[in-house]
C-alpha atoms as a PDB file:
ATOM      1  CA  MET A   1     239.941 -43.307 -88.921  1.00  0.00           C
ATOM      2  CA  THR A   2     236.988 -43.578 -91.105  1.00  0.00           C
ATOM      3  CA  ARG A   3     234.912 -40.808 -89.268  1.00  0.00           C
ATOM      4  CA  GLU A   4     237.829 -38.414 -90.005  1.00  0.00           C
ATOM      5  CA  MET A   5     238.076 -39.486 -93.732  1.00  0.00           C
ATOM      6  CA  ASP A   6     234.162 -38.938 -94.171  1.00  0.00           C
ATOM      7  CA  LEU A   7     234.531 -35.342 -92.804  1.00  0.00           C
ATOM      8  CA  GLU A   8     237.791 -34.978 -95.031  1.00  0.00           C
ATOM      9  CA  ILE A   9     235.820 -36.105 -98.077  1.00  0.00           C
ATOM     10  CA  ARG A  10     232.937 -33.768 -97.332  1.00  0.00           C
ATOM     11  CA  ASP A  11     235.352 -30.953 -96.762  1.00  0.00           C
ATOM     12  CA  TRP A  12     237.020 -31.481-100.067  1.00  0.00           C
ATOM     13  CA  LEU A  13     233.643 -31.993-101.865  1.00  0.00           C
ATOM     14  CA  GLY A  14     232.618 -28.665-100.277  1.00  0.00           C
ATOM     15  CA  HIS A  15     235.478 -26.845-101.693  1.00  0.00           C
ATOM     16  CA  TYR A  16     234.803 -28.109-105.151  1.00  0.00           C
ATOM     17  CA  LEU A  17     231.159 -27.231-104.777  1.00  0.00           C
ATOM     18  CA  ASP A  18     232.156 -23.670-103.561  1.00  0.00           C
ATOM     19  CA  GLU A  19     234.603 -23.414-106.719  1.00  0.00           C
ATOM     20  CA  ASP A  20     237.320 -23.120-104.538  1.00  0.00           C
ATOM     21  CA  ILE A  21     239.039 -25.963-106.482  1.00  0.00           C
ATOM     22  CA  SER A  22     238.501 -27.484-109.779  1.00  0.00           C
ATOM     23  CA  LEU A  23     236.924 -30.854-110.651  1.00  0.00           C
ATOM     24  CA  ARG A  24     240.221 -32.098-111.732  1.00  0.00           C
ATOM     25  CA  GLN A  25     241.744 -31.240-108.515  1.00  0.00           C
ATOM     26  CA  PHE A  26     238.915 -32.731-106.507  1.00  0.00           C
ATOM     27  CA  GLU A  27     239.458 -36.013-108.403  1.00  0.00           C
ATOM     28  CA  GLU A  28     243.184 -35.892-108.072  1.00  0.00           C
ATOM     29  CA  TRP A  29     242.751 -35.756-104.191  1.00  0.00           C
ATOM     30  CA  PHE A  30     239.559 -38.218-104.041  1.00  0.00           C
ATOM     31  CA  ILE A  31     240.670 -41.081-106.364  1.00  0.00           C
ATOM     32  CA  PRO A  32     243.706 -42.008-104.200  1.00  0.00           C
ATOM     33  CA  ALA A  33     241.794 -41.173-100.993  1.00  0.00           C
ATOM     34  CA  ALA A  34     239.045 -43.397-101.845  1.00  0.00           C
ATOM     35  CA  TRP A  35     241.368 -46.503-102.860  1.00  0.00           C
ATOM     36  CA  GLY A  36     243.165 -46.179 -99.512  1.00  0.00           C
ATOM     37  CA  ILE A  37     239.775 -46.601 -97.434  1.00  0.00           C
ATOM     38  CA  PRO A  38     239.571 -50.191 -96.235  1.00  0.00           C
ATOM     39  CA  ARG A  39     236.259 -51.953 -97.345  1.00  0.00           C
ATOM     40  CA  THR A  40     235.871 -52.696 -93.489  1.00  0.00           C
ATOM     41  CA  ALA A  41     235.138 -49.199 -92.927  1.00  0.00           C
ATOM     42  CA  ASN A  42     231.825 -47.737 -91.699  1.00  0.00           C
ATOM     43  CA  GLN A  43     228.830 -47.963 -93.918  1.00  0.00           C
ATOM     44  CA  GLY A  44     228.471 -44.347 -94.045  1.00  0.00           C
ATOM     45  CA  THR A  45     231.907 -43.534 -95.290  1.00  0.00           C
ATOM     46  CA  LEU A  46     231.608 -46.441 -97.789  1.00  0.00           C
ATOM     47  CA  GLY A  47     228.158 -45.183 -98.770  1.00  0.00           C
ATOM     48  CA  LEU A  48     229.602 -41.642 -99.462  1.00  0.00           C
ATOM     49  CA  VAL A  49     232.342 -42.833-101.416  1.00  0.00           C
ATOM     50  CA  GLY A  50     230.158 -45.008-103.636  1.00  0.00           C
ATOM     51  CA  GLU A  51     227.993 -42.126-104.281  1.00  0.00           C
ATOM     52  CA  ILE A  52     230.597 -39.723-105.245  1.00  0.00           C
ATOM     53  CA  GLU A  53     232.173 -42.515-107.630  1.00  0.00           C
ATOM     54  CA  LEU A  54     228.868 -43.245-109.243  1.00  0.00           C
ATOM     55  CA  ARG A  55     228.140 -39.457-109.804  1.00  0.00           C
ATOM     56  CA  LEU A  56     231.832 -39.008-111.147  1.00  0.00           C
ATOM     57  CA  ALA A  57     231.375 -42.118-113.464  1.00  0.00           C
ATOM     58  CA  GLU A  58     228.141 -40.837-114.859  1.00  0.00           C
ATOM     59  CA  PHE A  59     229.573 -37.547-115.493  1.00  0.00           C
ATOM     60  CA  SER A  60     232.455 -38.963-117.544  1.00  0.00           C
ATOM     61  CA  ASN A  61     230.408 -41.031-119.439  1.00  0.00           C
ATOM     62  CA  GLY A  62     228.371 -37.790-120.497  1.00  0.00           C
ATOM     63  CA  HIS A  63     225.317 -38.207-118.618  1.00  0.00           C
ATOM     64  CA  TRP A  64     225.437 -34.872-117.193  1.00  0.00           C
ATOM     65  CA  THR A  65     227.031 -31.415-117.642  1.00  0.00           C
ATOM     66  CA  GLU A  66     229.292 -30.170-114.877  1.00  0.00           C
ATOM     67  CA  PRO A  67     226.511 -27.778-113.328  1.00  0.00           C
ATOM     68  CA  GLU A  68     224.183 -30.943-113.162  1.00  0.00           C
ATOM     69  CA  LEU A  69     227.151 -32.932-111.453  1.00  0.00           C
ATOM     70  CA  ARG A  70     227.566 -30.395-108.882  1.00  0.00           C
ATOM     71  CA  THR A  71     223.475 -30.490-108.214  1.00  0.00           C
ATOM     72  CA  LYS A  72     223.723 -34.191-107.791  1.00  0.00           C
ATOM     73  CA  LEU A  73     227.012 -33.967-105.463  1.00  0.00           C
ATOM     74  CA  GLU A  74     225.574 -31.148-103.283  1.00  0.00           C
ATOM     75  CA  PRO A  75     223.340 -33.261-101.114  1.00  0.00           C
ATOM     76  CA  LEU A  76     226.294 -35.239-100.156  1.00  0.00           C
ATOM     77  CA  ALA A  77     228.413 -32.368 -98.769  1.00  0.00           C
ATOM     78  CA  THR A  78     225.398 -30.936 -97.026  1.00  0.00           C
ATOM     79  CA  PHE A  79     223.500 -33.810 -95.730  1.00  0.00           C
ATOM     80  CA  TYR A  80     225.132 -35.525 -92.759  1.00  0.00           C
ATOM     81  CA  LYS A  81     223.268 -37.749 -90.241  1.00  0.00           C
ATOM     82  CA  THR A  82     224.867 -38.476 -86.900  1.00  0.00           C
ATOM     83  CA  GLU A  83     223.293 -40.964 -84.471  1.00  0.00           C
ATOM     84  CA  VAL A  84     224.284 -41.199 -80.964  1.00  0.00           C
ATOM     85  CA  VAL A  85     225.168 -44.899 -79.973  1.00  0.00           C
ATOM     86  CA  SER A  86     225.392 -45.730 -76.238  1.00  0.00           C
ATOM     87  CA  GLU A  87     228.300 -47.899 -75.111  1.00  0.00           C
ATOM     88  CA  HIS A  88     227.672 -49.664 -71.865  1.00  0.00           C
ATOM     89  CA  VAL A  89     230.598 -49.267 -69.643  1.00  0.00           C
ATOM     90  CA  HIS A  90     230.333 -50.237 -65.914  1.00  0.00           C
ATOM     91  CA  ASN A  91     229.370 -47.238 -64.258  1.00  0.00           C
ATOM     92  CA  SER A  92     230.258 -44.827 -66.880  1.00  0.00           C
ATOM     93  CA  GLY A  93     228.299 -42.851 -69.324  1.00  0.00           C
ATOM     94  CA  ASN A  94     230.331 -42.947 -72.438  1.00  0.00           C
ATOM     95  CA  TYR A  95     228.896 -42.274 -75.910  1.00  0.00           C
ATOM     96  CA  SER A  96     230.339 -42.792 -79.268  1.00  0.00           C
ATOM     97  CA  PHE A  97     229.139 -41.203 -82.453  1.00  0.00           C
ATOM     98  CA  GLN A  98     228.520 -42.802 -85.766  1.00  0.00           C
ATOM     99  CA  SER A  99     227.795 -41.121 -89.028  1.00  0.00           C
ATOM    100  CA  SER A 100     225.799 -42.586 -92.178  1.00  0.00           C
ATOM    101  CA  LEU A 101     224.253 -41.501 -95.253  1.00  0.00           C
ATOM    102  CA  THR A 102     220.440 -42.103 -95.681  1.00  0.00           C
END
């Protein structure tokens, strides 16, 4: 589930950055979605959520203008690292994919 949530967060963030939705609309979706992510989720998803929460808090405290916020959030929507992790299964070549922020 968290991999799908990771992609959904990036999708919504992309809509905000493309100005398809307002910051308010993004926050109205993001805040409850972020609270619903279990703390046992993968580190990539938790890191993404934490980075977005930090940027939003800093913006809310007047540290940046909205254009500056967009600049700070853009790498979170555009950079996505995927690593292949081999799962050893007897006589099988199954692979799973794991995402993480760097």
